[in-house]
All heavy atoms as atom14 arrays in JSON, in Angstrom:
{
  "sequence": "GPWAEGGMAATGRAGERLRGGSLPPMAPSLAVDAL",
  "atom14_mask": [
    [1, 1, 1, 1, 0, 0, 0, 0, 0, 0, 0, 0, 0, 0],
    [1, 1, 1, 1, 1, 1, 1, 0, 0, 0, 0, 0, 0, 0],
    [1, 1, 1, 1, 1, 1, 1, 1, 1, 1, 1, 1, 1, 1],
    [1, 1, 1, 1, 1, 0, 0, 0, 0, 0, 0, 0, 0, 0],
    [1, 1, 1, 1, 1, 1, 1, 1, 1, 0, 0, 0, 0, 0],
    [1, 1, 1, 1, 0, 0, 0, 0, 0, 0, 0, 0, 0, 0],
    [1, 1, 1, 1, 0, 0, 0, 0, 0, 0, 0, 0, 0, 0],
    [1, 1, 1, 1, 1, 1, 1, 1, 0, 0, 0, 0, 0, 0],
    [1, 1, 1, 1, 1, 0, 0, 0, 0, 0, 0, 0, 0, 0],
    [1, 1, 1, 1, 1, 0, 0, 0, 0, 0, 0, 0, 0, 0],
    [1, 1, 1, 1, 1, 1, 1, 0, 0, 0, 0, 0, 0, 0],
    [1, 1, 1, 1, 0, 0, 0, 0, 0, 0, 0, 0, 0, 0],
    [1, 1, 1, 1, 1, 1, 1, 1, 1, 1, 1, 0, 0, 0],
    [1, 1, 1, 1, 1, 0, 0, 0, 0, 0, 0, 0, 0, 0],
    [1, 1, 1, 1, 0, 0, 0, 0, 0, 0, 0, 0, 0, 0],
    [1, 1, 1, 1, 1, 1, 1, 1, 1, 0, 0, 0, 0, 0],
    [1, 1, 1, 1, 1, 1, 1, 1, 1, 1, 1, 0, 0, 0],
    [1, 1, 1, 1, 1, 1, 1, 1, 0, 0, 0, 0, 0, 0],
    [1, 1, 1, 1, 1, 1, 1, 1, 1, 1, 1, 0, 0, 0],
    [1, 1, 1, 1, 0, 0, 0, 0, 0, 0, 0, 0, 0, 0],
    [1, 1, 1, 1, 0, 0, 0, 0, 0, 0, 0, 0, 0, 0],
    [1, 1, 1, 1, 1, 1, 0, 0, 0, 0, 0, 0, 0, 0],
    [1, 1, 1, 1, 1, 1, 1, 1, 0, 0, 0, 0, 0, 0],
    [1, 1, 1, 1, 1, 1, 1, 0, 0, 0, 0, 0, 0, 0],
    [1, 1, 1, 1, 1, 1, 1, 0, 0, 0, 0, 0, 0, 0],
    [1, 1, 1, 1, 1, 1, 1, 1, 0, 0, 0, 0, 0, 0],
    [1, 1, 1, 1, 1, 0, 0, 0, 0, 0, 0, 0, 0, 0],
    [1, 1, 1, 1, 1, 1, 1, 0, 0, 0, 0, 0, 0, 0],
    [1, 1, 1, 1, 1, 1, 0, 0, 0, 0, 0, 0, 0, 0],
    [1, 1, 1, 1, 1, 1, 1, 1, 0, 0, 0, 0, 0, 0],
    [1, 1, 1, 1, 1, 0, 0, 0, 0, 0, 0, 0, 0, 0],
    [1, 1, 1, 1, 1, 1, 1, 0, 0, 0, 0, 0, 0, 0],
    [1, 1, 1, 1, 1, 1, 1, 1, 0, 0, 0, 0, 0, 0],
    [1, 1, 1, 1, 1, 0, 0, 0, 0, 0, 0, 0, 0, 0],
    [1, 1, 1, 1, 1, 1, 1, 1, 0, 0, 0, 0, 0, 0]
  ],
  "atom14_positions": [
    [[0.97, 14.9, -1.06], [1.98, 14.86, -2.09], [1.58, 13.76, -3.06], [0.62, 13.04, -2.89], [0.0, 0.0, 0.0], [0.0, 0.0, 0.0], [0.0, 0.0, 0.0], [0.0, 0.0, 0.0], [0.0, 0.0, 0.0], [0.0, 0.0, 0.0], [0.0, 0.0, 0.0], [0.0, 0.0, 0.0], [0.0, 0.0, 0.0], [0.0, 0.0, 0.0]],
    [[2.39, 13.56, -4.16], [2.03, 12.55, -5.17], [2.22, 11.14, -4.62], [3.1, 10.84, -3.84], [3.06, 12.82, -6.27], [4.21, 13.5, -5.57], [3.63, 14.27, -4.48], [0.0, 0.0, 0.0], [0.0, 0.0, 0.0], [0.0, 0.0, 0.0], [0.0, 0.0, 0.0], [0.0, 0.0, 0.0], [0.0, 0.0, 0.0], [0.0, 0.0, 0.0]],
    [[1.32, 10.24, -5.05], [1.37, 8.82, -4.7], [2.05, 8.05, -5.82], [1.82, 8.38, -7.02], [-0.03, 8.27, -4.48], [-0.69, 8.7, -3.2], [-0.74, 9.97, -2.71], [-1.45, 7.88, -2.29], [-1.45, 10.0, -1.55], [-1.92, 8.7, -1.22], [-1.79, 6.5, -2.27], [-2.66, 8.24, -0.18], [-2.54, 6.1, -1.2], [-2.97, 6.88, -0.15]],
    [[2.76, 7.0, -5.49], [3.42, 6.2, -6.46], [2.54, 5.04, -6.89], [1.46, 4.81, -6.28], [4.77, 5.68, -5.9], [0.0, 0.0, 0.0], [0.0, 0.0, 0.0], [0.0, 0.0, 0.0], [0.0, 0.0, 0.0], [0.0, 0.0, 0.0], [0.0, 0.0, 0.0], [0.0, 0.0, 0.0], [0.0, 0.0, 0.0], [0.0, 0.0, 0.0]],
    [[2.96, 4.28, -7.9], [2.34, 3.0, -8.34], [1.04, 3.15, -9.02], [0.38, 2.16, -9.35], [2.22, 2.03, -7.1], [3.56, 1.69, -6.45], [3.43, 0.7, -5.34], [2.38, 0.04, -5.24], [4.33, 0.61, -4.52], [0.0, 0.0, 0.0], [0.0, 0.0, 0.0], [0.0, 0.0, 0.0], [0.0, 0.0, 0.0], [0.0, 0.0, 0.0]],
    [[0.55, 4.29, -9.3], [-0.69, 4.47, -10.0], [-1.29, 5.81, -9.86], [-0.84, 6.63, -8.99], [0.0, 0.0, 0.0], [0.0, 0.0, 0.0], [0.0, 0.0, 0.0], [0.0, 0.0, 0.0], [0.0, 0.0, 0.0], [0.0, 0.0, 0.0], [0.0, 0.0, 0.0], [0.0, 0.0, 0.0], [0.0, 0.0, 0.0], [0.0, 0.0, 0.0]],
    [[-2.3, 6.11, -10.66], [-2.97, 7.38, -10.5], [-2.32, 8.46, -11.35], [-1.29, 8.2, -12.02], [0.0, 0.0, 0.0], [0.0, 0.0, 0.0], [0.0, 0.0, 0.0], [0.0, 0.0, 0.0], [0.0, 0.0, 0.0], [0.0, 0.0, 0.0], [0.0, 0.0, 0.0], [0.0, 0.0, 0.0], [0.0, 0.0, 0.0], [0.0, 0.0, 0.0]],
    [[-2.88, 9.63, -11.35], [-2.51, 10.73, -12.19], [-1.07, 11.18, -12.0], [-0.33, 11.5, -12.95], [-3.47, 11.89, -11.96], [-3.25, 13.08, -12.9], [-4.58, 14.25, -12.75], [-4.44, 14.65, -10.97], [0.0, 0.0, 0.0], [0.0, 0.0, 0.0], [0.0, 0.0, 0.0], [0.0, 0.0, 0.0], [0.0, 0.0, 0.0], [0.0, 0.0, 0.0]],
    [[-0.67, 11.19, -10.72], [0.72, 11.69, -10.49], [1.82, 10.71, -10.88], [2.99, 11.11, -11.05], [0.84, 11.99, -8.96], [0.0, 0.0, 0.0], [0.0, 0.0, 0.0], [0.0, 0.0, 0.0], [0.0, 0.0, 0.0], [0.0, 0.0, 0.0], [0.0, 0.0, 0.0], [0.0, 0.0, 0.0], [0.0, 0.0, 0.0], [0.0, 0.0, 0.0]],
    [[1.45, 9.48, -11.03], [2.47, 8.49, -11.37], [2.61, 8.25, -12.89], [3.51, 7.58, -13.34], [2.16, 7.12, -10.7], [0.0, 0.0, 0.0], [0.0, 0.0, 0.0], [0.0, 0.0, 0.0], [0.0, 0.0, 0.0], [0.0, 0.0, 0.0], [0.0, 0.0, 0.0], [0.0, 0.0, 0.0], [0.0, 0.0, 0.0], [0.0, 0.0, 0.0]],
    [[1.6, 8.79, -13.65], [1.62, 8.55, -15.08], [1.35, 9.85, -15.86], [1.02, 10.83, -15.23], [0.52, 7.56, -15.47], [-0.77, 8.03, -15.02], [0.79, 6.19, -14.74], [0.0, 0.0, 0.0], [0.0, 0.0, 0.0], [0.0, 0.0, 0.0], [0.0, 0.0, 0.0], [0.0, 0.0, 0.0], [0.0, 0.0, 0.0], [0.0, 0.0, 0.0]],
    [[1.53, 9.78, -17.11], [1.18, 10.93, -18.0], [2.1, 12.13, -17.8], [3.16, 12.06, -17.23], [0.0, 0.0, 0.0], [0.0, 0.0, 0.0], [0.0, 0.0, 0.0], [0.0, 0.0, 0.0], [0.0, 0.0, 0.0], [0.0, 0.0, 0.0], [0.0, 0.0, 0.0], [0.0, 0.0, 0.0], [0.0, 0.0, 0.0], [0.0, 0.0, 0.0]],
    [[1.59, 13.27, -18.27], [2.38, 14.52, -18.22], [2.71, 14.94, -16.84], [3.8, 15.37, -16.54], [1.55, 15.63, -18.98], [2.36, 16.91, -19.17], [3.35, 16.73, -20.29], [4.13, 17.9, -20.46], [3.79, 18.89, -21.29], [2.69, 18.82, -21.96], [4.55, 19.96, -21.44], [0.0, 0.0, 0.0], [0.0, 0.0, 0.0], [0.0, 0.0, 0.0]],
    [[1.7, 14.79, -15.91], [1.94, 15.18, -14.53], [3.09, 14.38, -13.92], [3.94, 14.83, -13.21], [0.68, 15.03, -13.72], [0.0, 0.0, 0.0], [0.0, 0.0, 0.0], [0.0, 0.0, 0.0], [0.0, 0.0, 0.0], [0.0, 0.0, 0.0], [0.0, 0.0, 0.0], [0.0, 0.0, 0.0], [0.0, 0.0, 0.0], [0.0, 0.0, 0.0]],
    [[3.08, 13.07, -14.19], [4.14, 12.18, -13.71], [5.52, 12.59, -14.25], [6.48, 12.56, -13.5], [0.0, 0.0, 0.0], [0.0, 0.0, 0.0], [0.0, 0.0, 0.0], [0.0, 0.0, 0.0], [0.0, 0.0, 0.0], [0.0, 0.0, 0.0], [0.0, 0.0, 0.0], [0.0, 0.0, 0.0], [0.0, 0.0, 0.0], [0.0, 0.0, 0.0]],
    [[5.53, 12.97, -15.55], [6.83, 13.37, -16.11], [7.39, 14.57, -15.41], [8.55, 14.71, -15.22], [6.57, 13.68, -17.61], [6.3, 12.46, -18.45], [5.97, 12.82, -19.89], [6.19, 14.0, -20.23], [5.51, 11.97, -20.69], [0.0, 0.0, 0.0], [0.0, 0.0, 0.0], [0.0, 0.0, 0.0], [0.0, 0.0, 0.0], [0.0, 0.0, 0.0]],
    [[6.49, 15.51, -15.07], [6.94, 16.77, -14.42], [7.45, 16.48, -13.01], [8.34, 17.13, -12.54], [5.81, 17.8, -14.37], [5.4, 18.31, -15.72], [4.57, 19.57, -15.51], [4.04, 20.02, -16.74], [4.76, 20.74, -17.65], [6.02, 21.06, -17.4], [4.2, 21.2, -18.76], [0.0, 0.0, 0.0], [0.0, 0.0, 0.0], [0.0, 0.0, 0.0]],
    [[6.84, 15.52, -12.34], [7.19, 15.24, -10.89], [8.46, 14.43, -10.77], [9.21, 14.61, -9.81], [6.04, 14.54, -10.24], [4.77, 15.41, -9.97], [3.61, 14.54, -9.57], [5.08, 16.4, -8.84], [0.0, 0.0, 0.0], [0.0, 0.0, 0.0], [0.0, 0.0, 0.0], [0.0, 0.0, 0.0], [0.0, 0.0, 0.0], [0.0, 0.0, 0.0]],
    [[8.7, 13.52, -11.73], [9.91, 12.69, -11.65], [11.11, 13.54, -11.67], [11.34, 14.4, -12.57], [9.88, 11.66, -12.77], [8.97, 10.51, -12.51], [9.19, 9.38, -13.49], [8.65, 9.71, -14.83], [7.44, 9.53, -15.18], [6.53, 9.07, -14.33], [6.97, 9.8, -16.4], [0.0, 0.0, 0.0], [0.0, 0.0, 0.0], [0.0, 0.0, 0.0]],
    [[12.02, 13.33, -10.72], [13.26, 14.11, -10.67], [13.03, 15.41, -9.95], [13.98, 16.16, -9.82], [0.0, 0.0, 0.0], [0.0, 0.0, 0.0], [0.0, 0.0, 0.0], [0.0, 0.0, 0.0], [0.0, 0.0, 0.0], [0.0, 0.0, 0.0], [0.0, 0.0, 0.0], [0.0, 0.0, 0.0], [0.0, 0.0, 0.0], [0.0, 0.0, 0.0]],
    [[11.85, 15.72, -9.44], [11.6, 16.96, -8.77], [11.79, 16.85, -7.24], [12.4, 15.87, -6.76], [0.0, 0.0, 0.0], [0.0, 0.0, 0.0], [0.0, 0.0, 0.0], [0.0, 0.0, 0.0], [0.0, 0.0, 0.0], [0.0, 0.0, 0.0], [0.0, 0.0, 0.0], [0.0, 0.0, 0.0], [0.0, 0.0, 0.0], [0.0, 0.0, 0.0]],
    [[11.36, 17.81, -6.53], [11.62, 17.82, -5.09], [10.52, 17.15, -4.29], [10.62, 17.07, -3.04], [11.72, 19.28, -4.6], [10.64, 20.06, -4.96], [0.0, 0.0, 0.0], [0.0, 0.0, 0.0], [0.0, 0.0, 0.0], [0.0, 0.0, 0.0], [0.0, 0.0, 0.0], [0.0, 0.0, 0.0], [0.0, 0.0, 0.0], [0.0, 0.0, 0.0]],
    [[9.46, 16.65, -4.91], [8.4, 15.9, -4.28], [8.32, 14.51, -4.91], [7.48, 14.25, -5.76], [7.07, 16.62, -4.33], [6.77, 17.58, -3.21], [7.52, 18.84, -3.44], [5.28, 17.86, -3.15], [0.0, 0.0, 0.0], [0.0, 0.0, 0.0], [0.0, 0.0, 0.0], [0.0, 0.0, 0.0], [0.0, 0.0, 0.0], [0.0, 0.0, 0.0]],
    [[9.19, 13.56, -4.49], [9.08, 12.21, -5.14], [7.77, 11.54, -4.69], [7.26, 11.75, -3.65], [10.33, 11.47, -4.54], [10.67, 12.23, -3.28], [10.3, 13.65, -3.57], [0.0, 0.0, 0.0], [0.0, 0.0, 0.0], [0.0, 0.0, 0.0], [0.0, 0.0, 0.0], [0.0, 0.0, 0.0], [0.0, 0.0, 0.0], [0.0, 0.0, 0.0]],
    [[7.22, 10.71, -5.6], [5.97, 9.98, -5.24], [6.16, 9.04, -4.01], [7.2, 8.44, -3.83], [5.73, 9.15, -6.52], [6.39, 9.92, -7.6], [7.59, 10.47, -6.95], [0.0, 0.0, 0.0], [0.0, 0.0, 0.0], [0.0, 0.0, 0.0], [0.0, 0.0, 0.0], [0.0, 0.0, 0.0], [0.0, 0.0, 0.0], [0.0, 0.0, 0.0]],
    [[5.11, 9.03, -3.18], [5.14, 8.29, -1.92], [4.67, 6.85, -2.15], [3.7, 6.59, -2.93], [4.25, 8.9, -0.86], [4.53, 10.33, -0.53], [3.41, 11.07, 0.61], [1.96, 11.16, -0.38], [0.0, 0.0, 0.0], [0.0, 0.0, 0.0], [0.0, 0.0, 0.0], [0.0, 0.0, 0.0], [0.0, 0.0, 0.0], [0.0, 0.0, 0.0]],
    [[5.24, 5.93, -1.41], [4.8, 4.55, -1.46], [3.4, 4.49, -0.8], [3.16, 5.02, 0.25], [5.74, 3.61, -0.66], [0.0, 0.0, 0.0], [0.0, 0.0, 0.0], [0.0, 0.0, 0.0], [0.0, 0.0, 0.0], [0.0, 0.0, 0.0], [0.0, 0.0, 0.0], [0.0, 0.0, 0.0], [0.0, 0.0, 0.0], [0.0, 0.0, 0.0]],
    [[2.39, 3.82, -1.45], [1.05, 3.82, -0.92], [0.94, 3.32, 0.53], [0.16, 3.86, 1.33], [0.33, 2.91, -1.86], [1.04, 3.09, -3.18], [2.47, 3.23, -2.73], [0.0, 0.0, 0.0], [0.0, 0.0, 0.0], [0.0, 0.0, 0.0], [0.0, 0.0, 0.0], [0.0, 0.0, 0.0], [0.0, 0.0, 0.0], [0.0, 0.0, 0.0]],
    [[1.74, 2.32, 0.9], [1.69, 1.8, 2.24], [2.03, 2.89, 3.3], [1.35, 2.97, 4.36], [2.59, 0.57, 2.44], [3.93, 0.91, 2.12], [0.0, 0.0, 0.0], [0.0, 0.0, 0.0], [0.0, 0.0, 0.0], [0.0, 0.0, 0.0], [0.0, 0.0, 0.0], [0.0, 0.0, 0.0], [0.0, 0.0, 0.0], [0.0, 0.0, 0.0]],
    [[3.05, 3.62, 2.98], [3.44, 4.69, 3.92], [2.44, 5.81, 3.94], [2.11, 6.4, 4.95], [4.8, 5.28, 3.48], [6.03, 4.33, 3.63], [7.22, 5.05, 3.11], [6.2, 3.95, 5.11], [0.0, 0.0, 0.0], [0.0, 0.0, 0.0], [0.0, 0.0, 0.0], [0.0, 0.0, 0.0], [0.0, 0.0, 0.0], [0.0, 0.0, 0.0]],
    [[1.82, 6.11, 2.78], [0.81, 7.14, 2.75], [-0.44, 6.78, 3.48], [-1.05, 7.59, 4.19], [0.42, 7.43, 1.27], [0.0, 0.0, 0.0], [0.0, 0.0, 0.0], [0.0, 0.0, 0.0], [0.0, 0.0, 0.0], [0.0, 0.0, 0.0], [0.0, 0.0, 0.0], [0.0, 0.0, 0.0], [0.0, 0.0, 0.0], [0.0, 0.0, 0.0]],
    [[-0.86, 5.51, 3.46], [-2.0, 5.04, 4.23], [-1.72, 5.11, 5.75], [-2.57, 5.55, 6.56], [-2.43, 3.61, 3.83], [-3.46, 3.09, 4.78], [-2.93, 3.6, 2.41], [0.0, 0.0, 0.0], [0.0, 0.0, 0.0], [0.0, 0.0, 0.0], [0.0, 0.0, 0.0], [0.0, 0.0, 0.0], [0.0, 0.0, 0.0], [0.0, 0.0, 0.0]],
    [[-0.49, 4.75, 6.12], [-0.1, 4.92, 7.54], [-0.21, 6.36, 7.97], [-0.68, 6.73, 9.1], [1.26, 4.4, 7.82], [1.37, 2.89, 7.76], [0.31, 2.23, 7.86], [2.47, 2.33, 7.59], [0.0, 0.0, 0.0], [0.0, 0.0, 0.0], [0.0, 0.0, 0.0], [0.0, 0.0, 0.0], [0.0, 0.0, 0.0], [0.0, 0.0, 0.0]],
    [[0.24, 7.25, 7.1], [0.19, 8.72, 7.43], [-1.26, 9.2, 7.5], [-1.6, 10.03, 8.37], [0.94, 9.49, 6.36], [0.0, 0.0, 0.0], [0.0, 0.0, 0.0], [0.0, 0.0, 0.0], [0.0, 0.0, 0.0], [0.0, 0.0, 0.0], [0.0, 0.0, 0.0], [0.0, 0.0, 0.0], [0.0, 0.0, 0.0], [0.0, 0.0, 0.0]],
    [[-2.14, 8.64, 6.68], [-3.55, 9.02, 6.73], [-4.15, 8.58, 8.08], [-4.91, 9.4, 8.71], [-4.29, 8.36, 5.56], [-5.85, 8.57, 5.57], [-6.17, 10.06, 5.49], [-6.48, 7.83, 4.44], [0.0, 0.0, 0.0], [0.0, 0.0, 0.0], [0.0, 0.0, 0.0], [0.0, 0.0, 0.0], [0.0, 0.0, 0.0], [0.0, 0.0, 0.0]]
  ]
}
């Protein structure tokens, strides 16, 4: 899913589409734990 705090999903047009949607950006620390 999208990562927060940087990268394509957190900025630009893609970020605009994701904000307020059903897949909120994940905190990187939690995403690394999941990895």
